[in-house]
Protein backbone atom coordinates (compact mmCIF):
# COMPACT_ATOMS: atom_id res chain seq x y z
CA MET A 1 -16.27 9.01 -11.85
CA LEU A 2 -16.86 6.18 -9.34
CA ALA A 3 -18.40 8.35 -6.62
CA ASP A 4 -21.46 6.09 -6.43
CA VAL A 5 -19.38 2.94 -5.81
CA THR A 6 -18.55 1.65 -2.31
CA VAL A 7 -15.70 -0.84 -1.94
CA LEU A 8 -14.78 -2.96 1.06
CA GLU A 9 -11.10 -3.94 1.02
CA LEU A 10 -9.66 -6.67 3.21
CA GLY A 11 -6.21 -6.05 1.82
CA GLN A 12 -2.74 -6.80 3.08
CA VAL A 13 0.50 -5.15 1.92
CA LEU A 14 0.21 -4.71 -1.85
CA ALA A 15 -1.98 -6.46 -4.45
CA GLY A 16 -5.32 -5.97 -2.69
CA PRO A 17 -4.47 -2.52 -1.33
CA TYR A 18 -3.26 -1.35 -4.76
CA ALA A 19 -6.57 -2.37 -6.33
CA GLY A 20 -8.34 -0.39 -3.59
CA ALA A 21 -6.06 2.61 -4.12
CA ILE A 22 -6.84 2.72 -7.83
CA LEU A 23 -10.58 2.66 -7.15
CA ALA A 24 -10.21 5.32 -4.43
CA ASP A 25 -8.29 7.60 -6.79
CA LEU A 26 -11.11 7.19 -9.30
CA GLY A 27 -13.62 8.43 -6.74
CA ALA A 28 -14.96 5.30 -5.06
CA THR A 29 -15.52 5.18 -1.31
CA VAL A 30 -13.02 2.54 -0.17
CA ILE A 31 -13.36 1.21 3.36
CA LYS A 32 -10.31 -0.74 4.47
CA ILE A 33 -11.16 -3.51 6.92
CA GLU A 34 -8.19 -4.19 9.20
CA LYS A 35 -7.49 -6.43 12.16
CA PRO A 36 -7.61 -4.41 15.42
CA ASP A 37 -4.18 -5.62 16.51
CA GLY A 38 -1.81 -3.67 14.27
CA GLY A 39 -3.91 -3.57 11.12
CA ASP A 40 -2.42 -4.15 7.68
CA ASP A 41 1.14 -5.50 7.92
CA GLY A 42 2.03 -2.89 5.32
CA ARG A 43 1.84 -0.22 8.05
CA ARG A 44 5.19 -1.54 9.30
CA MET A 45 6.73 -2.37 5.92
CA GLY A 46 9.57 0.12 6.26
CA ALA A 47 10.63 2.90 8.59
CA PRO A 48 7.99 5.23 10.13
CA PHE A 49 7.07 7.95 7.64
CA LEU A 50 3.79 9.63 8.56
CA ASN A 51 1.51 8.93 11.53
CA ASN A 52 4.00 6.16 12.42
CA ASP A 53 3.07 4.25 9.23
CA SER A 54 5.48 3.41 6.42
CA LEU A 55 5.66 5.27 3.12
CA THR A 56 4.69 2.00 1.41
CA PHE A 57 1.47 1.91 3.40
CA HIS A 58 0.59 5.48 2.44
CA GLU A 59 1.43 4.76 -1.18
CA TYR A 60 -1.09 1.92 -1.48
CA ASN A 61 -3.76 3.09 0.96
CA ARG A 62 -4.20 6.78 0.15
CA GLY A 63 -7.73 8.10 0.02
CA LYS A 64 -9.29 5.25 2.01
CA ARG A 65 -11.10 4.89 5.34
CA SER A 66 -10.17 2.39 8.00
CA VAL A 67 -12.47 0.20 10.07
CA ALA A 68 -10.90 -2.20 12.57
CA LEU A 69 -12.88 -5.45 12.87
CA ASP A 70 -11.98 -8.79 14.41
CA LEU A 71 -13.45 -11.06 11.73
CA LYS A 72 -12.84 -14.10 13.91
CA SER A 73 -15.47 -12.82 16.35
CA PRO A 74 -19.25 -12.87 15.83
CA ALA A 75 -19.43 -9.11 16.37
CA GLY A 76 -16.70 -8.41 13.84
CA LEU A 77 -18.27 -10.70 11.25
CA ALA A 78 -21.65 -9.05 11.83
CA GLY A 79 -20.02 -5.67 11.25
CA LEU A 80 -18.61 -6.86 7.94
CA HIS A 81 -22.05 -8.11 6.84
CA GLU A 82 -23.56 -4.76 7.83
CA LEU A 83 -21.09 -2.91 5.63
CA ALA A 84 -21.45 -5.40 2.77
CA ALA A 85 -25.21 -4.89 2.71
CA HIS A 86 -24.59 -1.35 1.43
CA ALA A 87 -21.43 -1.95 -0.60
CA ASP A 88 -20.89 -2.73 -4.27
CA VAL A 89 -17.54 -4.51 -4.17
CA LEU A 90 -15.49 -6.58 -1.75
CA ILE A 91 -11.78 -7.16 -2.46
CA HIS A 92 -9.51 -9.38 -0.41
CA ASN A 93 -6.10 -10.97 -0.71
CA LEU A 94 -6.35 -12.98 2.49
CA ARG A 95 -4.35 -16.18 2.85
CA PRO A 96 -6.29 -18.75 0.77
CA ASP A 97 -7.52 -20.83 3.71
CA VAL A 98 -8.78 -17.86 5.75
CA PRO A 99 -12.08 -16.95 4.01
CA ARG A 100 -13.56 -20.39 4.56
CA ALA A 101 -12.24 -20.59 8.11
CA ILE A 102 -14.03 -17.37 9.10
CA GLY A 103 -17.12 -17.93 6.95
CA ILE A 104 -16.68 -15.38 4.18
CA GLU A 105 -15.89 -17.67 1.24
CA PRO A 106 -17.71 -16.38 -1.87
CA GLU A 107 -20.33 -19.11 -2.07
CA ARG A 108 -21.59 -18.40 1.44
CA PHE A 109 -21.01 -14.64 1.58
CA CYS A 110 -22.70 -13.87 -1.74
CA GLU A 111 -25.82 -15.78 -0.70
CA HIS A 112 -26.38 -12.95 1.79
CA HIS A 113 -25.30 -10.21 -0.65
CA PRO A 114 -26.34 -11.21 -4.18
CA ARG A 115 -25.56 -7.79 -5.69
CA LEU A 116 -22.02 -7.77 -4.30
CA ILE A 117 -19.04 -8.12 -6.62
CA TYR A 118 -16.68 -10.38 -4.69
CA CYS A 119 -13.02 -10.17 -5.72
CA GLU A 120 -10.61 -12.80 -4.49
CA ILE A 121 -6.86 -12.35 -5.03
CA SER A 122 -4.70 -15.40 -4.38
CA GLY A 123 -1.08 -16.37 -4.85
CA PHE A 124 -1.24 -19.39 -7.15
CA GLY A 125 -4.82 -19.18 -8.45
CA HIS A 126 -8.15 -20.73 -7.52
CA ALA A 127 -7.42 -24.17 -9.00
CA GLY A 128 -4.60 -26.70 -8.96
CA PRO A 129 -2.49 -28.37 -6.27
CA LEU A 130 -1.00 -25.06 -5.04
CA ARG A 131 -4.29 -23.17 -4.77
CA LEU A 132 -4.05 -22.93 -0.96
CA GLU A 133 -0.39 -21.92 -0.84
CA PRO A 134 0.53 -18.36 0.18
CA ALA A 135 2.84 -16.37 -2.08
CA PHE A 136 4.96 -13.26 -2.31
CA GLU A 137 6.22 -11.25 -5.28
CA PRO A 138 9.75 -12.74 -5.58
CA LEU A 139 8.49 -16.30 -5.16
CA ILE A 140 6.01 -15.87 -8.00
CA GLN A 141 8.61 -14.19 -10.19
CA ALA A 142 10.82 -17.23 -9.62
CA TYR A 143 8.03 -19.79 -10.06
CA SER A 144 6.61 -18.26 -13.26
CA GLY A 145 9.94 -18.06 -15.11
CA ILE A 146 10.37 -14.29 -14.87
CA VAL A 147 13.58 -14.58 -12.82
CA SER A 148 15.16 -17.14 -15.14
CA SER A 149 14.38 -14.88 -18.11
CA ASN A 150 15.79 -11.69 -16.62
CA GLY A 151 19.33 -10.38 -16.49
CA ASP A 152 22.47 -10.52 -18.59
CA PRO A 153 23.35 -14.13 -19.54
CA SER A 154 26.89 -13.62 -18.18
CA ALA A 155 25.46 -13.04 -14.69
CA PRO A 156 23.01 -14.94 -12.47
CA PRO A 157 19.31 -14.42 -13.29
CA SER A 158 17.59 -11.78 -11.22
CA ARG A 159 14.14 -10.67 -10.13
CA LEU A 160 12.55 -7.52 -11.47
CA PRO A 161 13.32 -4.69 -9.02
CA ILE A 162 9.70 -3.51 -9.02
CA SER A 163 6.51 -5.18 -7.78
CA ALA A 164 5.25 -5.80 -11.31
CA VAL A 165 3.30 -8.92 -10.30
CA ASP A 166 1.58 -7.48 -7.23
CA MET A 167 0.72 -4.20 -8.92
CA GLY A 168 -0.31 -5.93 -12.13
CA THR A 169 -2.65 -8.19 -10.16
CA GLY A 170 -4.20 -5.11 -8.56
CA MET A 171 -4.76 -3.67 -12.02
CA TRP A 172 -6.36 -6.87 -13.31
CA THR A 173 -8.60 -6.87 -10.25
CA VAL A 174 -9.81 -3.36 -11.06
CA ILE A 175 -10.46 -4.38 -14.68
CA GLY A 176 -12.53 -7.26 -13.32
CA VAL A 177 -14.41 -4.95 -10.95
CA LEU A 178 -15.31 -2.48 -13.67
CA THR A 179 -16.43 -5.26 -16.02
CA ALA A 180 -18.55 -6.87 -13.29
CA LEU A 181 -20.15 -3.52 -12.43
CA ARG A 182 -21.12 -3.13 -16.08
CA GLU A 183 -22.61 -6.60 -16.13
CA ARG A 184 -24.54 -5.97 -12.91
CA GLU A 185 -26.24 -3.01 -14.61
CA LYS A 186 -27.82 -5.56 -16.96
CA THR A 187 -28.48 -8.47 -14.61
CA GLY A 188 -28.91 -6.88 -11.18
CA ARG A 189 -26.59 -9.53 -9.71
CA GLY A 190 -22.99 -9.47 -8.62
CA SER A 191 -20.32 -12.00 -9.55
CA VAL A 192 -17.14 -13.57 -8.24
CA VAL A 193 -13.95 -12.15 -9.78
CA ARG A 194 -10.74 -14.10 -9.20
CA THR A 195 -7.20 -13.00 -9.95
CA SER A 196 -3.84 -14.27 -8.75
CA LEU A 197 -0.19 -13.32 -8.68
CA LEU A 198 0.73 -16.38 -10.72
CA GLU A 199 -1.79 -15.68 -13.48
CA THR A 200 -0.52 -12.12 -13.73
CA ALA A 201 3.09 -13.30 -13.90
CA LEU A 202 2.21 -15.89 -16.55
CA GLY A 203 0.45 -13.14 -18.47
CA TRP A 204 3.66 -11.05 -18.45
CA MET A 205 5.49 -14.18 -19.66
CA SER A 206 3.08 -14.75 -22.57
CA PRO A 207 5.55 -13.95 -25.39
CA ARG A 208 8.11 -16.41 -24.04
CA ILE A 209 5.55 -19.10 -23.24
CA ASN A 210 3.90 -18.70 -26.64
CA ALA A 211 7.29 -19.00 -28.38
CA PHE A 212 8.06 -22.22 -26.53
CA VAL A 213 4.62 -23.81 -26.93
CA ASN A 214 4.20 -22.95 -30.61
CA GLU A 215 7.76 -22.90 -31.95
CA GLY A 216 9.68 -24.99 -29.44
CA VAL A 217 11.96 -22.01 -28.84
CA GLU A 218 13.17 -21.02 -25.39
CA LEU A 219 14.06 -17.35 -25.76
CA ARG A 220 17.44 -16.62 -24.24
CA ARG A 221 18.32 -13.89 -21.82
CA GLU A 222 19.72 -11.05 -23.85
CA PRO A 223 22.91 -9.16 -22.99
CA MET A 224 22.78 -5.42 -22.35
CA SER A 225 18.99 -5.23 -22.18
CA GLY A 226 18.58 -6.72 -25.65
CA HIS A 227 15.39 -7.90 -27.37
CA PRO A 228 14.96 -11.49 -28.60
CA GLY A 229 13.39 -10.44 -31.91
CA LEU A 230 15.03 -7.12 -32.85
CA VAL A 231 18.62 -5.92 -33.44
CA PRO A 232 19.90 -3.37 -32.44
CA TYR A 233 17.36 -2.81 -29.68
CA GLN A 234 19.26 -2.34 -26.43
CA SER A 235 21.47 -0.12 -24.30
CA PHE A 236 24.97 0.92 -25.26
CA ALA A 237 27.75 2.71 -23.40
CA SER A 238 28.83 6.07 -24.78
CA ALA A 239 31.93 7.93 -23.66
CA ASP A 240 30.17 9.36 -20.63
CA GLY A 241 26.92 7.44 -20.01
CA ASP A 242 24.52 4.80 -21.24
CA LEU A 243 21.86 5.28 -23.89
CA PHE A 244 19.13 3.06 -25.26
CA VAL A 245 18.57 2.65 -29.00
CA CYS A 246 15.45 1.01 -30.47
CA VAL A 247 15.88 0.20 -34.16
CA GLY A 248 12.49 -1.43 -34.69
CA ASN A 249 12.61 -2.06 -38.47
CA ASP A 250 14.87 -2.06 -41.52
CA ARG A 251 13.98 1.51 -42.46
CA LEU A 252 15.20 2.75 -39.10
CA PHE A 253 18.32 0.62 -39.47
CA ALA A 254 19.18 2.43 -42.70
CA LYS A 255 18.86 5.79 -40.91
CA PHE A 256 20.96 4.46 -38.04
CA CYS A 257 23.69 3.29 -40.39
CA THR A 258 23.78 6.65 -42.10
CA LEU A 259 24.28 8.64 -38.92
CA LEU A 260 26.99 6.16 -37.84
CA GLU A 261 28.63 6.69 -41.26
CA ARG A 262 28.36 2.98 -41.98
CA GLU A 263 26.20 3.12 -45.13
CA ALA A 264 27.71 -0.14 -46.37
CA TRP A 265 25.81 -2.00 -43.64
CA ILE A 266 22.52 -1.07 -45.29
CA THR A 267 23.14 -3.48 -48.18
CA ASP A 268 25.43 -5.96 -46.40
CA PRO A 269 23.62 -9.35 -46.56
CA ALA A 270 24.62 -10.01 -42.95
CA TYR A 271 22.92 -6.83 -41.71
CA ALA A 272 20.41 -5.65 -44.31
CA THR A 273 17.35 -7.29 -42.73
CA ASN A 274 16.36 -7.79 -39.13
CA ARG A 275 16.35 -11.59 -39.55
CA ALA A 276 19.92 -11.42 -40.84
CA ARG A 277 20.89 -9.15 -37.97
CA LEU A 278 19.47 -11.64 -35.48
CA ILE A 279 21.85 -14.28 -36.85
CA HIS A 280 24.83 -11.93 -36.68
CA ARG A 281 23.73 -10.17 -33.50
CA ASP A 282 26.93 -10.47 -31.46
CA GLU A 283 29.18 -9.26 -34.25
CA LEU A 284 26.97 -6.28 -35.14
CA VAL A 285 26.33 -5.23 -31.56
CA GLY A 286 30.03 -5.28 -30.86
CA ARG A 287 30.78 -3.06 -33.85
CA ILE A 288 28.04 -0.58 -32.90
CA GLY A 289 29.29 -0.52 -29.31
CA GLU A 290 32.78 0.42 -30.41
CA ILE A 291 31.45 3.36 -32.43
CA LEU A 292 29.09 4.71 -29.76
CA ALA A 293 31.76 4.47 -27.06
CA GLY A 294 33.85 7.02 -28.93
CA ARG A 295 31.58 10.04 -28.38
CA PRO A 296 29.61 11.60 -25.47
CA ARG A 297 26.01 10.54 -24.93
CA ASP A 298 24.44 13.89 -25.79
CA TYR A 299 26.27 13.89 -29.13
CA TRP A 300 24.60 10.62 -30.08
CA LEU A 301 21.19 11.49 -28.64
CA ASP A 302 21.07 14.72 -30.66
CA ARG A 303 21.99 12.92 -33.88
CA LEU A 304 19.65 10.00 -33.27
CA ARG A 305 16.69 12.28 -32.56
CA ALA A 306 17.44 14.41 -35.61
CA ALA A 307 17.47 11.27 -37.76
CA GLY A 308 14.21 9.98 -36.28
CA VAL A 309 15.78 6.94 -34.61
CA PRO A 310 14.06 6.21 -31.25
CA CYS A 311 16.50 6.63 -28.38
CA SER A 312 16.74 7.61 -24.73
CA PRO A 313 19.31 8.28 -22.06
CA VAL A 314 19.37 5.58 -19.36
CA ASN A 315 18.08 7.76 -16.55
CA THR A 316 18.39 7.31 -12.81
CA VAL A 317 15.41 8.04 -10.54
CA PRO A 318 16.82 11.49 -9.64
CA ASP A 319 17.23 12.13 -13.36
CA VAL A 320 13.60 11.19 -13.99
CA VAL A 321 12.17 13.42 -11.25
CA ALA A 322 14.14 16.39 -12.63
CA LEU A 323 12.85 15.96 -16.19
CA GLU A 324 10.69 18.68 -17.74
CA GLN A 325 8.55 15.90 -19.28
CA PHE A 326 7.96 14.38 -15.84
CA ASP A 327 6.90 17.76 -14.47
CA ALA A 328 4.58 18.42 -17.44
CA LEU A 329 2.59 15.24 -16.82
CA GLU A 330 1.76 16.30 -13.24
CA MET A 331 1.83 12.77 -11.90
CA LEU A 332 3.31 13.71 -8.53
CA SER A 333 0.43 14.73 -6.26
CA PRO A 334 0.74 16.85 -3.10
CA PHE A 335 -1.60 16.29 -0.16
CA LEU A 336 -3.15 19.30 1.53
CA ASP A 337 -3.38 17.38 4.81
CA ALA A 338 0.18 16.11 4.96
CA GLY A 339 2.63 18.95 4.46
CA ALA A 340 5.27 18.14 1.87
CA THR A 341 4.15 14.54 1.28
CA ARG A 342 3.73 13.74 -2.40
CA LEU A 343 2.80 10.46 -4.08
CA MET A 344 2.58 9.30 -7.67
CA ALA A 345 -0.93 9.52 -9.17
CA LEU A 346 -2.57 7.06 -11.56
CA PRO A 347 -1.11 6.91 -15.08
CA LEU A 348 -4.29 7.95 -16.89
CA THR A 349 -6.37 11.06 -17.50
CA PHE A 350 -10.00 11.77 -18.39
CA ASP A 351 -10.65 14.66 -20.77
CA GLY A 352 -7.20 15.95 -19.92
CA ALA A 353 -7.70 15.78 -16.13
CA ARG A 354 -5.85 13.38 -13.85
CA SER A 355 -7.46 11.69 -10.84
CA HIS A 356 -5.20 12.58 -7.93
CA PRO A 357 -5.14 10.85 -4.52
CA ARG A 358 -7.52 12.67 -2.19
CA SER A 359 -5.85 12.10 1.18
CA VAL A 360 -3.09 10.16 2.86
CA ALA A 361 -3.77 6.72 4.30
CA PRO A 362 -6.07 6.56 7.35
CA ARG A 363 -5.06 5.80 10.90
CA LEU A 364 -6.08 2.33 12.05
CA GLY A 365 -9.78 2.27 12.97
CA ALA A 366 -10.29 5.96 12.21
CA ASP A 367 -13.71 5.25 10.68
CA ASN A 368 -15.13 2.65 13.07
CA ALA A 369 -18.19 4.85 13.50
CA ILE A 370 -19.36 3.68 10.06
CA VAL A 371 -20.34 0.36 11.63
CA GLY A 372 -23.61 0.74 13.47
CA ALA A 373 -24.54 3.93 11.61
CA ALA A 374 -27.93 4.39 10.00
CA GLY A 375 -27.21 1.53 7.63
CA GLU A 376 -27.71 3.66 4.56
CA ARG A 377 -25.25 4.13 1.73
CA GLU A 378 -25.22 7.87 2.45
CA ALA A 379 -23.94 7.21 5.95
CA ILE A 380 -20.99 5.25 4.56
CA GLY A 381 -20.25 7.79 1.87
CA SER A 382 -20.23 10.77 4.22
CA ALA A 383 -18.42 9.23 7.18
């Protein structure tokens, strides 16, 4: 769907490259600009996997082309301007002081390329005393309050084990790109889109920040994956494995009580409403835990599903990959040019069809011939 869009990506490791990968999967021509000496640091972020590059690099750079340019040299900078003259979008997550140092800050660069959509990804945002500070995923999780909000209260707080901030920032960048492209159709001019790891993290923290700002409430860390506003809404241990139960309203609680053979709880003033259950959370959760621990997990899952109470086994990654539901969604994409290599595709479809990655990540500088070509968009698109 984005076959007529050309993107230049000066991305390192994750947030910028993930934005580029999304656009590449959706059909855009994405040209990755890398430093000649080693390229993106993500190439070495892990053991060699394919073409001596890490699996992480292939994951976030599939379907792209690579041009190696020394942007600190006049020739390299001229090459970037040549490509930008025929591009629609530029994305970078360079260290905040670098664009100005090499002369590609948005104010100057967009004077030469007024139709270009210039996307700048930073660590702490474009304003404030930390605007020039570099950042990494765990630092931003710690700084934004995510770490202090995560984990069982009986244990130390912990970071999320996934790159939710980096990947989320890539997603917000793509939303900004698509919005700016739509606006350019009307105005004929590009715009400057700015995202940051901190703004993304603060966005994920919105419910907790809103509760504190508006109600003066600091939501506590919940034991056993609990929810601050719903009970029971968490994982429990059965006789042979963990399961997750989401009782999202009082109607579901009545069904839950019935299958547990605890009908008296339905009218018990301490449990009858969710607000009452929040007050008596620890007592109720303990009683439920004792009951569920007495039977195997499949016994409870079958009964919960039959009663219409939302539930799930707590699956491991091998469990997930073996699921029939996982297979049916066809999110794991093979590459014709890389043997048995398979990567996860984007989590969306169009008219029932999924956009799959088109190729594995490029070798460093594999598409240098693009620079100095005819200078036409067709030359970039067909290189």
